[in-house]
Full PDB file with SEQRES, HELIX, SHEET, SSBOND, CRYST1, ORIGX, SCALE, CONECT and MASTER records, all heavy atoms in Angstrom:
SEQRES   1 A   42  PRO LYS ILE SER PHE ASP THR GLU VAL THR ALA ALA ALA          
SEQRES   2 A   42  PHE VAL ASP GLY ARG TRP ARG LEU THR PHE ALA ASP GLY          
SEQRES   3 A   42  ASP ARG GLN GLU PHE ASP ALA LEU ILE CYS ALA THR GLY          
SEQRES   4 A   42  GLN LEU SER                                                  
SHEET    1 AA1 3 VAL A   9  VAL A  15  0                                        
SHEET    2 AA1 3 ARG A  18  PHE A  23 -1                                        
SHEET    3 AA1 3 ARG A  28  PHE A  31 -1                                        
CRYST1    1.000    1.000    1.000  90.00  90.00  90.00 P 1           1          
ORIGX1      1.000000  0.000000  0.000000        0.00000                         
ORIGX2      0.000000  1.000000  0.000000        0.00000                         
ORIGX3      0.000000  0.000000  1.000000        0.00000                         
SCALE1      1.000000  0.000000  0.000000        0.00000                         
SCALE2      0.000000  1.000000  0.000000        0.00000                         
SCALE3      0.000000  0.000000  1.000000        0.00000                         
ATOM      1  N   PRO A   1      89.404 107.902 101.121  1.00  0.00           N  
ATOM      2  CA  PRO A   1      88.324 107.577 102.077  1.00  0.00           C  
ATOM      3  C   PRO A   1      88.569 106.269 102.864  1.00  0.00           C  
ATOM      4  O   PRO A   1      88.002 106.087 103.917  1.00  0.00           O  
ATOM      5  CB  PRO A   1      87.028 107.383 101.219  1.00  0.00           C  
ATOM      6  CG  PRO A   1      87.335 108.125  99.907  1.00  0.00           C  
ATOM      7  CD  PRO A   1      88.879 107.994  99.748  1.00  0.00           C  
ATOM      8  N   LYS A   2      89.550 105.505 102.323  1.00  0.00           N  
ATOM      9  CA  LYS A   2      89.856 104.333 103.011  1.00  0.00           C  
ATOM     10  C   LYS A   2      91.102 104.367 103.949  1.00  0.00           C  
ATOM     11  O   LYS A   2      91.654 103.344 104.405  1.00  0.00           O  
ATOM     12  CB  LYS A   2      90.063 103.148 101.976  1.00  0.00           C  
ATOM     13  CG  LYS A   2      88.889 102.791 101.319  1.00  0.00           C  
ATOM     14  CD  LYS A   2      89.068 101.648 100.241  1.00  0.00           C  
ATOM     15  CE  LYS A   2      87.786 101.175  99.659  1.00  0.00           C  
ATOM     16  NZ  LYS A   2      86.974 100.351 100.677  1.00  0.00           N  
ATOM     17  N   ILE A   3      91.605 105.586 104.132  1.00  0.00           N  
ATOM     18  CA  ILE A   3      92.763 105.781 104.929  1.00  0.00           C  
ATOM     19  C   ILE A   3      92.336 106.223 106.393  1.00  0.00           C  
ATOM     20  O   ILE A   3      91.531 107.252 106.491  1.00  0.00           O  
ATOM     21  CB  ILE A   3      93.701 106.848 104.406  1.00  0.00           C  
ATOM     22  CG1 ILE A   3      94.130 106.437 102.966  1.00  0.00           C  
ATOM     23  CG2 ILE A   3      94.948 107.013 105.320  1.00  0.00           C  
ATOM     24  CD1 ILE A   3      95.042 107.565 102.304  1.00  0.00           C  
ATOM     25  N   SER A   4      92.854 105.630 107.373  1.00  0.00           N  
ATOM     26  CA  SER A   4      92.628 106.053 108.824  1.00  0.00           C  
ATOM     27  C   SER A   4      93.843 106.901 109.157  1.00  0.00           C  
ATOM     28  O   SER A   4      94.892 106.356 109.399  1.00  0.00           O  
ATOM     29  CB  SER A   4      92.456 104.813 109.711  1.00  0.00           C  
ATOM     30  OG  SER A   4      91.268 104.187 109.382  1.00  0.00           O  
ATOM     31  N   PHE A   5      93.659 108.269 109.160  1.00  0.00           N  
ATOM     32  CA  PHE A   5      94.804 109.126 109.516  1.00  0.00           C  
ATOM     33  C   PHE A   5      94.972 109.166 111.067  1.00  0.00           C  
ATOM     34  O   PHE A   5      94.127 108.883 111.845  1.00  0.00           O  
ATOM     35  CB  PHE A   5      94.492 110.507 108.922  1.00  0.00           C  
ATOM     36  CG  PHE A   5      94.547 110.553 107.455  1.00  0.00           C  
ATOM     37  CD1 PHE A   5      93.324 110.821 106.745  1.00  0.00           C  
ATOM     38  CD2 PHE A   5      95.723 110.362 106.695  1.00  0.00           C  
ATOM     39  CE1 PHE A   5      93.317 110.856 105.291  1.00  0.00           C  
ATOM     40  CE2 PHE A   5      95.710 110.331 105.345  1.00  0.00           C  
ATOM     41  CZ  PHE A   5      94.576 110.634 104.638  1.00  0.00           C  
ATOM     42  N   ASP A   6      96.154 109.670 111.442  1.00  0.00           N  
ATOM     43  CA  ASP A   6      96.509 109.779 112.949  1.00  0.00           C  
ATOM     44  C   ASP A   6      96.214 108.557 113.664  1.00  0.00           C  
ATOM     45  O   ASP A   6      95.781 108.514 114.797  1.00  0.00           O  
ATOM     46  CB  ASP A   6      95.690 110.946 113.500  1.00  0.00           C  
ATOM     47  CG  ASP A   6      95.843 112.283 112.802  1.00  0.00           C  
ATOM     48  OD1 ASP A   6      97.091 112.631 112.778  1.00  0.00           O  
ATOM     49  OD2 ASP A   6      94.919 112.968 112.437  1.00  0.00           O  
ATOM     50  N   THR A   7      96.552 107.361 112.950  1.00  0.00           N  
ATOM     51  CA  THR A   7      96.296 106.084 113.583  1.00  0.00           C  
ATOM     52  C   THR A   7      97.585 105.233 113.533  1.00  0.00           C  
ATOM     53  O   THR A   7      98.055 104.906 112.370  1.00  0.00           O  
ATOM     54  CB  THR A   7      95.096 105.366 112.755  1.00  0.00           C  
ATOM     55  OG1 THR A   7      93.972 106.153 112.810  1.00  0.00           O  
ATOM     56  CG2 THR A   7      94.882 104.006 113.420  1.00  0.00           C  
ATOM     57  N   GLU A   8      98.253 105.026 114.591  1.00  0.00           N  
ATOM     58  CA  GLU A   8      99.524 104.335 114.491  1.00  0.00           C  
ATOM     59  C   GLU A   8      99.402 102.895 114.976  1.00  0.00           C  
ATOM     60  O   GLU A   8      98.804 102.556 115.965  1.00  0.00           O  
ATOM     61  CB  GLU A   8     100.514 105.007 115.486  1.00  0.00           C  
ATOM     62  CG  GLU A   8     101.871 104.300 115.496  1.00  0.00           C  
ATOM     63  CD  GLU A   8     102.875 105.197 116.268  1.00  0.00           C  
ATOM     64  OE1 GLU A   8     102.500 106.005 117.011  1.00  0.00           O  
ATOM     65  OE2 GLU A   8     104.160 104.777 116.146  1.00  0.00           O  
ATOM     66  N   VAL A   9      99.889 102.017 114.128  1.00  0.00           N  
ATOM     67  CA  VAL A   9      99.950 100.588 114.401  1.00  0.00           C  
ATOM     68  C   VAL A   9     101.197 100.274 115.230  1.00  0.00           C  
ATOM     69  O   VAL A   9     102.271 100.611 114.795  1.00  0.00           O  
ATOM     70  CB  VAL A   9      99.948  99.687 113.118  1.00  0.00           C  
ATOM     71  CG1 VAL A   9     100.096  98.178 113.468  1.00  0.00           C  
ATOM     72  CG2 VAL A   9      98.693  99.964 112.266  1.00  0.00           C  
ATOM     73  N   THR A  10     101.014  99.721 116.433  1.00  0.00           N  
ATOM     74  CA  THR A  10     102.139  99.420 117.293  1.00  0.00           C  
ATOM     75  C   THR A  10     102.572  97.984 117.336  1.00  0.00           C  
ATOM     76  O   THR A  10     103.749  97.709 117.666  1.00  0.00           O  
ATOM     77  CB  THR A  10     101.836  99.875 118.676  1.00  0.00           C  
ATOM     78  OG1 THR A  10     100.639  99.198 119.155  1.00  0.00           O  
ATOM     79  CG2 THR A  10     101.621 101.454 118.719  1.00  0.00           C  
ATOM     80  N   ALA A  11     101.741  97.095 116.815  1.00  0.00           N  
ATOM     81  CA  ALA A  11     102.130  95.661 116.805  1.00  0.00           C  
ATOM     82  C   ALA A  11     101.211  94.953 115.816  1.00  0.00           C  
ATOM     83  O   ALA A  11     100.123  95.316 115.550  1.00  0.00           O  
ATOM     84  CB  ALA A  11     101.983  95.032 118.186  1.00  0.00           C  
ATOM     85  N   ALA A  12     101.739  93.859 115.229  1.00  0.00           N  
ATOM     86  CA  ALA A  12     101.037  93.024 114.374  1.00  0.00           C  
ATOM     87  C   ALA A  12     101.420  91.565 114.704  1.00  0.00           C  
ATOM     88  O   ALA A  12     102.642  91.240 114.752  1.00  0.00           O  
ATOM     89  CB  ALA A  12     101.390  93.345 112.890  1.00  0.00           C  
ATOM     90  N   ALA A  13     100.450  90.663 114.780  1.00  0.00           N  
ATOM     91  CA  ALA A  13     100.689  89.226 115.123  1.00  0.00           C  
ATOM     92  C   ALA A  13      99.788  88.329 114.273  1.00  0.00           C  
ATOM     93  O   ALA A  13      98.672  88.660 114.042  1.00  0.00           O  
ATOM     94  CB  ALA A  13     100.518  89.035 116.644  1.00  0.00           C  
ATOM     95  N   PHE A  14     100.407  87.237 113.808  1.00  0.00           N  
ATOM     96  CA  PHE A  14      99.643  86.406 113.000  1.00  0.00           C  
ATOM     97  C   PHE A  14      99.063  85.238 114.001  1.00  0.00           C  
ATOM     98  O   PHE A  14      99.729  84.481 114.527  1.00  0.00           O  
ATOM     99  CB  PHE A  14     100.541  85.706 111.950  1.00  0.00           C  
ATOM    100  CG  PHE A  14      99.865  84.925 110.924  1.00  0.00           C  
ATOM    101  CD1 PHE A  14      98.877  85.628 110.097  1.00  0.00           C  
ATOM    102  CD2 PHE A  14      99.959  83.548 110.689  1.00  0.00           C  
ATOM    103  CE1 PHE A  14      98.284  85.069 109.008  1.00  0.00           C  
ATOM    104  CE2 PHE A  14      99.332  83.023 109.634  1.00  0.00           C  
ATOM    105  CZ  PHE A  14      98.441  83.582 108.806  1.00  0.00           C  
ATOM    106  N   VAL A  15      97.759  85.427 114.262  1.00  0.00           N  
ATOM    107  CA  VAL A  15      97.111  84.568 115.172  1.00  0.00           C  
ATOM    108  C   VAL A  15      95.921  83.716 114.615  1.00  0.00           C  
ATOM    109  O   VAL A  15      95.045  84.337 113.973  1.00  0.00           O  
ATOM    110  CB  VAL A  15      96.505  85.392 116.330  1.00  0.00           C  
ATOM    111  CG1 VAL A  15      95.826  84.540 117.362  1.00  0.00           C  
ATOM    112  CG2 VAL A  15      97.648  86.270 116.938  1.00  0.00           C  
ATOM    113  N   ASP A  16      96.027  82.428 114.583  1.00  0.00           N  
ATOM    114  CA  ASP A  16      94.930  81.572 114.077  1.00  0.00           C  
ATOM    115  C   ASP A  16      94.584  81.921 112.678  1.00  0.00           C  
ATOM    116  O   ASP A  16      93.411  81.969 112.237  1.00  0.00           O  
ATOM    117  CB  ASP A  16      93.694  81.667 114.953  1.00  0.00           C  
ATOM    118  CG  ASP A  16      93.885  81.235 116.339  1.00  0.00           C  
ATOM    119  OD1 ASP A  16      94.747  80.271 116.594  1.00  0.00           O  
ATOM    120  OD2 ASP A  16      93.314  81.719 117.259  1.00  0.00           O  
ATOM    121  N   GLY A  17      95.576  82.149 111.823  1.00  0.00           N  
ATOM    122  CA  GLY A  17      95.373  82.340 110.418  1.00  0.00           C  
ATOM    123  C   GLY A  17      94.996  83.737 109.948  1.00  0.00           C  
ATOM    124  O   GLY A  17      94.720  83.951 108.844  1.00  0.00           O  
ATOM    125  N   ARG A  18      95.004  84.670 110.966  1.00  0.00           N  
ATOM    126  CA  ARG A  18      94.658  86.116 110.578  1.00  0.00           C  
ATOM    127  C   ARG A  18      95.662  87.004 111.220  1.00  0.00           C  
ATOM    128  O   ARG A  18      96.369  86.635 112.132  1.00  0.00           O  
ATOM    129  CB  ARG A  18      93.218  86.416 111.051  1.00  0.00           C  
ATOM    130  CG  ARG A  18      92.195  85.508 110.554  1.00  0.00           C  
ATOM    131  CD  ARG A  18      90.756  86.066 110.773  1.00  0.00           C  
ATOM    132  NE  ARG A  18      90.506  87.182 109.799  1.00  0.00           N  
ATOM    133  CZ  ARG A  18      89.776  88.165 110.011  1.00  0.00           C  
ATOM    134  NH1 ARG A  18      89.182  88.370 111.220  1.00  0.00           N  
ATOM    135  NH2 ARG A  18      89.541  89.086 109.049  1.00  0.00           N  
ATOM    136  N   TRP A  19      95.752  88.240 110.664  1.00  0.00           N  
ATOM    137  CA  TRP A  19      96.618  89.265 111.159  1.00  0.00           C  
ATOM    138  C   TRP A  19      95.888  90.070 112.237  1.00  0.00           C  
ATOM    139  O   TRP A  19      94.856  90.617 111.870  1.00  0.00           O  
ATOM    140  CB  TRP A  19      97.227  90.106 110.163  1.00  0.00           C  
ATOM    141  CG  TRP A  19      98.262  89.426 109.360  1.00  0.00           C  
ATOM    142  CD1 TRP A  19      98.234  88.833 108.190  1.00  0.00           C  
ATOM    143  CD2 TRP A  19      99.626  89.365 109.724  1.00  0.00           C  
ATOM    144  NE1 TRP A  19      99.390  88.308 107.815  1.00  0.00           N  
ATOM    145  CE2 TRP A  19     100.334  88.741 108.762  1.00  0.00           C  
ATOM    146  CE3 TRP A  19     100.415  89.806 110.862  1.00  0.00           C  
ATOM    147  CZ2 TRP A  19     101.653  88.349 108.842  1.00  0.00           C  
ATOM    148  CZ3 TRP A  19     101.692  89.553 110.925  1.00  0.00           C  
ATOM    149  CH2 TRP A  19     102.381  88.819 109.928  1.00  0.00           C  
ATOM    150  N   ARG A  20      96.366  90.189 113.453  1.00  0.00           N  
ATOM    151  CA  ARG A  20      95.823  91.020 114.478  1.00  0.00           C  
ATOM    152  C   ARG A  20      96.697  92.236 114.708  1.00  0.00           C  
ATOM    153  O   ARG A  20      97.789  92.116 115.101  1.00  0.00           O  
ATOM    154  CB  ARG A  20      95.728  90.172 115.842  1.00  0.00           C  
ATOM    155  CG  ARG A  20      95.133  90.970 116.995  1.00  0.00           C  
ATOM    156  CD  ARG A  20      95.075  90.071 118.204  1.00  0.00           C  
ATOM    157  NE  ARG A  20      94.191  88.944 118.010  1.00  0.00           N  
ATOM    158  CZ  ARG A  20      94.119  87.813 118.809  1.00  0.00           C  
ATOM    159  NH1 ARG A  20      94.930  87.845 119.828  1.00  0.00           N  
ATOM    160  NH2 ARG A  20      93.314  86.939 118.486  1.00  0.00           N  
ATOM    161  N   LEU A  21      96.083  93.353 114.473  1.00  0.00           N  
ATOM    162  CA  LEU A  21      96.846  94.644 114.524  1.00  0.00           C  
ATOM    163  C   LEU A  21      96.470  95.304 115.848  1.00  0.00           C  
ATOM    164  O   LEU A  21      95.236  95.344 116.270  1.00  0.00           O  
ATOM    165  CB  LEU A  21      96.532  95.587 113.428  1.00  0.00           C  
ATOM    166  CG  LEU A  21      96.799  95.132 112.000  1.00  0.00           C  
ATOM    167  CD1 LEU A  21      96.611  96.222 111.018  1.00  0.00           C  
ATOM    168  CD2 LEU A  21      98.194  94.505 111.923  1.00  0.00           C  
ATOM    169  N   THR A  22      97.511  95.849 116.603  1.00  0.00           N  
ATOM    170  CA  THR A  22      97.233  96.560 117.780  1.00  0.00           C  
ATOM    171  C   THR A  22      97.586  97.991 117.525  1.00  0.00           C  
ATOM    172  O   THR A  22      98.665  98.311 116.912  1.00  0.00           O  
ATOM    173  CB  THR A  22      98.128  96.047 119.001  1.00  0.00           C  
ATOM    174  OG1 THR A  22      97.749  94.676 119.178  1.00  0.00           O  
ATOM    175  CG2 THR A  22      97.825  96.874 120.257  1.00  0.00           C  
ATOM    176  N   PHE A  23      96.781  98.970 118.000  1.00  0.00           N  
ATOM    177  CA  PHE A  23      97.031 100.408 117.686  1.00  0.00           C  
ATOM    178  C   PHE A  23      97.464 101.149 118.940  1.00  0.00           C  
ATOM    179  O   PHE A  23      97.295 100.625 120.056  1.00  0.00           O  
ATOM    180  CB  PHE A  23      95.740 101.018 117.180  1.00  0.00           C  
ATOM    181  CG  PHE A  23      95.286 100.298 115.783  1.00  0.00           C  
ATOM    182  CD1 PHE A  23      94.497  99.186 115.808  1.00  0.00           C  
ATOM    183  CD2 PHE A  23      95.704 100.838 114.629  1.00  0.00           C  
ATOM    184  CE1 PHE A  23      94.055  98.601 114.647  1.00  0.00           C  
ATOM    185  CE2 PHE A  23      95.310 100.247 113.417  1.00  0.00           C  
ATOM    186  CZ  PHE A  23      94.542  99.119 113.518  1.00  0.00           C  
ATOM    187  N   ALA A  24      97.972 102.356 118.740  1.00  0.00           N  
ATOM    188  CA  ALA A  24      98.494 103.128 119.818  1.00  0.00           C  
ATOM    189  C   ALA A  24      97.459 103.350 120.939  1.00  0.00           C  
ATOM    190  O   ALA A  24      97.788 103.525 122.049  1.00  0.00           O  
ATOM    191  CB  ALA A  24      99.105 104.442 119.318  1.00  0.00           C  
ATOM    192  N   ASP A  25      96.139 103.469 120.488  1.00  0.00           N  
ATOM    193  CA  ASP A  25      95.134 103.764 121.461  1.00  0.00           C  
ATOM    194  C   ASP A  25      94.590 102.511 122.235  1.00  0.00           C  
ATOM    195  O   ASP A  25      93.619 102.600 123.038  1.00  0.00           O  
ATOM    196  CB  ASP A  25      93.951 104.549 120.801  1.00  0.00           C  
ATOM    197  CG  ASP A  25      93.262 103.731 119.674  1.00  0.00           C  
ATOM    198  OD1 ASP A  25      93.651 102.524 119.504  1.00  0.00           O  
ATOM    199  OD2 ASP A  25      92.288 104.162 119.079  1.00  0.00           O  
ATOM    200  N   GLY A  26      95.206 101.391 121.931  1.00  0.00           N  
ATOM    201  CA  GLY A  26      94.825 100.077 122.506  1.00  0.00           C  
ATOM    202  C   GLY A  26      93.855  99.255 121.716  1.00  0.00           C  
ATOM    203  O   GLY A  26      93.517  98.165 122.010  1.00  0.00           O  
ATOM    204  N   ASP A  27      93.291  99.821 120.746  1.00  0.00           N  
ATOM    205  CA  ASP A  27      92.296  99.216 119.886  1.00  0.00           C  
ATOM    206  C   ASP A  27      92.972  98.007 119.145  1.00  0.00           C  
ATOM    207  O   ASP A  27      94.189  98.075 118.873  1.00  0.00           O  
ATOM    208  CB  ASP A  27      91.689 100.155 118.821  1.00  0.00           C  
ATOM    209  CG  ASP A  27      90.569  99.434 118.110  1.00  0.00           C  
ATOM    210  OD1 ASP A  27      89.903  98.528 118.614  1.00  0.00           O  
ATOM    211  OD2 ASP A  27      90.333  99.865 116.894  1.00  0.00           O  
ATOM    212  N   ARG A  28      92.249  96.949 118.720  1.00  0.00           N  
ATOM    213  CA  ARG A  28      92.711  95.879 118.074  1.00  0.00           C  
ATOM    214  C   ARG A  28      91.727  95.539 116.834  1.00  0.00           C  
ATOM    215  O   ARG A  28      90.532  95.677 117.016  1.00  0.00           O  
ATOM    216  CB  ARG A  28      92.856  94.610 118.836  1.00  0.00           C  
ATOM    217  CG  ARG A  28      94.033  94.639 119.790  1.00  0.00           C  
ATOM    218  CD  ARG A  28      94.138  93.345 120.547  1.00  0.00           C  
ATOM    219  NE  ARG A  28      95.369  93.357 121.404  1.00  0.00           N  
ATOM    220  CZ  ARG A  28      95.691  92.294 122.170  1.00  0.00           C  
ATOM    221  NH1 ARG A  28      94.946  91.225 122.139  1.00  0.00           N  
ATOM    222  NH2 ARG A  28      96.802  92.399 122.992  1.00  0.00           N  
ATOM    223  N   GLN A  29      92.272  95.183 115.736  1.00  0.00           N  
ATOM    224  CA  GLN A  29      91.460  94.764 114.554  1.00  0.00           C  
ATOM    225  C   GLN A  29      92.228  93.625 113.840  1.00  0.00           C  
ATOM    226  O   GLN A  29      93.358  93.443 113.950  1.00  0.00           O  
ATOM    227  CB  GLN A  29      91.348  95.915 113.603  1.00  0.00           C  
ATOM    228  CG  GLN A  29      90.608  97.171 114.118  1.00  0.00           C  
ATOM    229  CD  GLN A  29      90.358  98.197 113.017  1.00  0.00           C  
ATOM    230  OE1 GLN A  29      90.128  97.934 111.895  1.00  0.00           O  
ATOM    231  NE2 GLN A  29      90.481  99.505 113.520  1.00  0.00           N  
ATOM    232  N   GLU A  30      91.355  92.784 113.185  1.00  0.00           N  
ATOM    233  CA  GLU A  30      91.907  91.616 112.437  1.00  0.00           C  
ATOM    234  C   GLU A  30      91.682  91.603 110.985  1.00  0.00           C  
ATOM    235  O   GLU A  30      90.642  92.118 110.538  1.00  0.00           O  
ATOM    236  CB  GLU A  30      91.402  90.327 113.053  1.00  0.00           C  
ATOM    237  CG  GLU A  30      91.830  90.010 114.543  1.00  0.00           C  
ATOM    238  CD  GLU A  30      91.489  88.691 115.036  1.00  0.00           C  
ATOM    239  OE1 GLU A  30      90.828  87.926 114.303  1.00  0.00           O  
ATOM    240  OE2 GLU A  30      91.879  88.297 116.136  1.00  0.00           O  
ATOM    241  N   PHE A  31      92.679  91.145 110.278  1.00  0.00           N  
ATOM    242  CA  PHE A  31      92.633  91.222 108.792  1.00  0.00           C  
ATOM    243  C   PHE A  31      93.092  89.881 108.236  1.00  0.00           C  
ATOM    244  O   PHE A  31      93.868  89.195 108.880  1.00  0.00           O  
ATOM    245  CB  PHE A  31      93.322  92.286 108.196  1.00  0.00           C  
ATOM    246  CG  PHE A  31      92.835  93.706 108.603  1.00  0.00           C  
ATOM    247  CD1 PHE A  31      93.282  94.207 109.828  1.00  0.00           C  
ATOM    248  CD2 PHE A  31      91.973  94.348 107.803  1.00  0.00           C  
ATOM    249  CE1 PHE A  31      92.695  95.484 110.140  1.00  0.00           C  
ATOM    250  CE2 PHE A  31      91.471  95.578 108.140  1.00  0.00           C  
ATOM    251  CZ  PHE A  31      91.860  96.201 109.299  1.00  0.00           C  
ATOM    252  N   ASP A  32      92.659  89.476 106.961  1.00  0.00           N  
ATOM    253  CA  ASP A  32      93.167  88.281 106.310  1.00  0.00           C  
ATOM    254  C   ASP A  32      94.611  88.502 105.867  1.00  0.00           C  
ATOM    255  O   ASP A  32      95.383  87.462 105.886  1.00  0.00           O  
ATOM    256  CB  ASP A  32      92.257  87.922 105.115  1.00  0.00           C  
ATOM    257  CG  ASP A  32      90.846  87.543 105.657  1.00  0.00           C  
ATOM    258  OD1 ASP A  32      90.733  86.811 106.617  1.00  0.00           O  
ATOM    259  OD2 ASP A  32      89.948  88.072 105.101  1.00  0.00           O  
ATOM    260  N   ALA A  33      94.929  89.619 105.464  1.00  0.00           N  
ATOM    261  CA  ALA A  33      96.284  89.874 104.881  1.00  0.00           C  
ATOM    262  C   ALA A  33      96.828  91.164 105.377  1.00  0.00           C  
ATOM    263  O   ALA A  33      96.089  92.155 105.711  1.00  0.00           O  
ATOM    264  CB  ALA A  33      96.196  89.892 103.287  1.00  0.00           C  
ATOM    265  N   LEU A  34      98.126  91.386 105.390  1.00  0.00           N  
ATOM    266  CA  LEU A  34      98.735  92.539 105.894  1.00  0.00           C  
ATOM    267  C   LEU A  34      99.895  93.001 104.856  1.00  0.00           C  
ATOM    268  O   LEU A  34     100.655  92.128 104.516  1.00  0.00           O  
ATOM    269  CB  LEU A  34      99.449  92.278 107.268  1.00  0.00           C  
ATOM    270  CG  LEU A  34     100.398  93.362 107.820  1.00  0.00           C  
ATOM    271  CD1 LEU A  34      99.588  94.667 108.027  1.00  0.00           C  
ATOM    272  CD2 LEU A  34     101.063  92.848 109.058  1.00  0.00           C  
ATOM    273  N   ILE A  35      99.845  94.258 104.514  1.00  0.00           N  
ATOM    274  CA  ILE A  35     100.873  94.764 103.690  1.00  0.00           C  
ATOM    275  C   ILE A  35     101.615  95.930 104.501  1.00  0.00           C  
ATOM    276  O   ILE A  35     100.939  96.902 104.897  1.00  0.00           O  
ATOM    277  CB  ILE A  35     100.350  95.359 102.323  1.00  0.00           C  
ATOM    278  CG1 ILE A  35      99.691  94.315 101.497  1.00  0.00           C  
ATOM    279  CG2 ILE A  35     101.491  96.082 101.583  1.00  0.00           C  
ATOM    280  CD1 ILE A  35      98.960  94.868 100.308  1.00  0.00           C  
ATOM    281  N   CYS A  36     102.793  95.695 104.749  1.00  0.00           N  
ATOM    282  CA  CYS A  36     103.607  96.666 105.618  1.00  0.00           C  
ATOM    283  C   CYS A  36     104.384  97.586 104.653  1.00  0.00           C  
ATOM    284  O   CYS A  36     105.255  97.147 104.028  1.00  0.00           O  
ATOM    285  CB  CYS A  36     104.506  95.916 106.577  1.00  0.00           C  
ATOM    286  SG  CYS A  36     105.353  97.011 107.788  1.00  0.00           S  
ATOM    287  N   ALA A  37     103.951  98.875 104.613  1.00  0.00           N  
ATOM    288  CA  ALA A  37     104.541  99.766 103.698  1.00  0.00           C  
ATOM    289  C   ALA A  37     104.994 100.967 104.528  1.00  0.00           C  
ATOM    290  O   ALA A  37     104.746 102.162 104.146  1.00  0.00           O  
ATOM    291  CB  ALA A  37     103.563 100.292 102.653  1.00  0.00           C  
ATOM    292  N   THR A  38     105.701 100.780 105.596  1.00  0.00           N  
ATOM    293  CA  THR A  38     106.156 101.794 106.574  1.00  0.00           C  
ATOM    294  C   THR A  38     107.356 102.506 106.009  1.00  0.00           C  
ATOM    295  O   THR A  38     107.703 103.652 106.436  1.00  0.00           O  
ATOM    296  CB  THR A  38     106.503 101.208 107.879  1.00  0.00           C  
ATOM    297  OG1 THR A  38     107.450 100.145 107.772  1.00  0.00           O  
ATOM    298  CG2 THR A  38     105.233 100.681 108.506  1.00  0.00           C  
ATOM    299  N   GLY A  39     108.128 101.994 105.079  1.00  0.00           N  
ATOM    300  CA  GLY A  39     109.274 102.564 104.534  1.00  0.00           C  
ATOM    301  C   GLY A  39     110.541 102.532 105.424  1.00  0.00           C  
ATOM    302  O   GLY A  39     110.331 102.101 106.612  1.00  0.00           O  
ATOM    303  N   GLN A  40     111.670 102.967 104.868  1.00  0.00           N  
ATOM    304  CA  GLN A  40     112.911 102.924 105.664  1.00  0.00           C  
ATOM    305  C   GLN A  40     113.241 104.199 106.424  1.00  0.00           C  
ATOM    306  O   GLN A  40     114.057 104.218 107.240  1.00  0.00           O  
ATOM    307  CB  GLN A  40     114.056 102.613 104.784  1.00  0.00           C  
ATOM    308  CG  GLN A  40     113.942 101.300 104.045  1.00  0.00           C  
ATOM    309  CD  GLN A  40     115.104 101.109 103.033  1.00  0.00           C  
ATOM    310  OE1 GLN A  40     116.266 101.408 103.310  1.00  0.00           O  
ATOM    311  NE2 GLN A  40     114.867 100.473 101.915  1.00  0.00           N  
ATOM    312  N   LEU A  41     112.398 105.254 106.098  1.00  0.00           N  
ATOM    313  CA  LEU A  41     112.714 106.559 106.736  1.00  0.00           C  
ATOM    314  C   LEU A  41     111.557 107.060 107.638  1.00  0.00           C  
ATOM    315  O   LEU A  41     111.345 108.225 107.790  1.00  0.00           O  
ATOM    316  CB  LEU A  41     112.968 107.579 105.584  1.00  0.00           C  
ATOM    317  CG  LEU A  41     114.128 107.231 104.684  1.00  0.00           C  
ATOM    318  CD1 LEU A  41     114.185 108.196 103.516  1.00  0.00           C  
ATOM    319  CD2 LEU A  41     115.419 107.045 105.354  1.00  0.00           C  
ATOM    320  N   SER A  42     110.785 106.073 108.183  1.00  0.00           N  
ATOM    321  CA  SER A  42     109.687 106.425 108.931  1.00  0.00           C  
ATOM    322  C   SER A  42     109.930 106.822 110.434  1.00  0.00           C  
ATOM    323  O   SER A  42     109.097 107.409 111.048  1.00  0.00           O  
ATOM    324  CB  SER A  42     108.608 105.315 108.931  1.00  0.00           C  
ATOM    325  OG  SER A  42     109.088 104.191 109.539  1.00  0.00           O  
TER     326      SER A  42                                                      
MASTER        0    0    0    0    3    0    0    6  325    1    0    4          
END                                                                             
């Protein structure tokens, strides 16, 4: 239930102490921490 499917992150930037994610549809969201688990074969 906590997975957003068909949702691609296109950029991540650390801005003012938080992670700002940009998505393929242009949306942006901010988080305190980021775990990148994209793998080597993505």
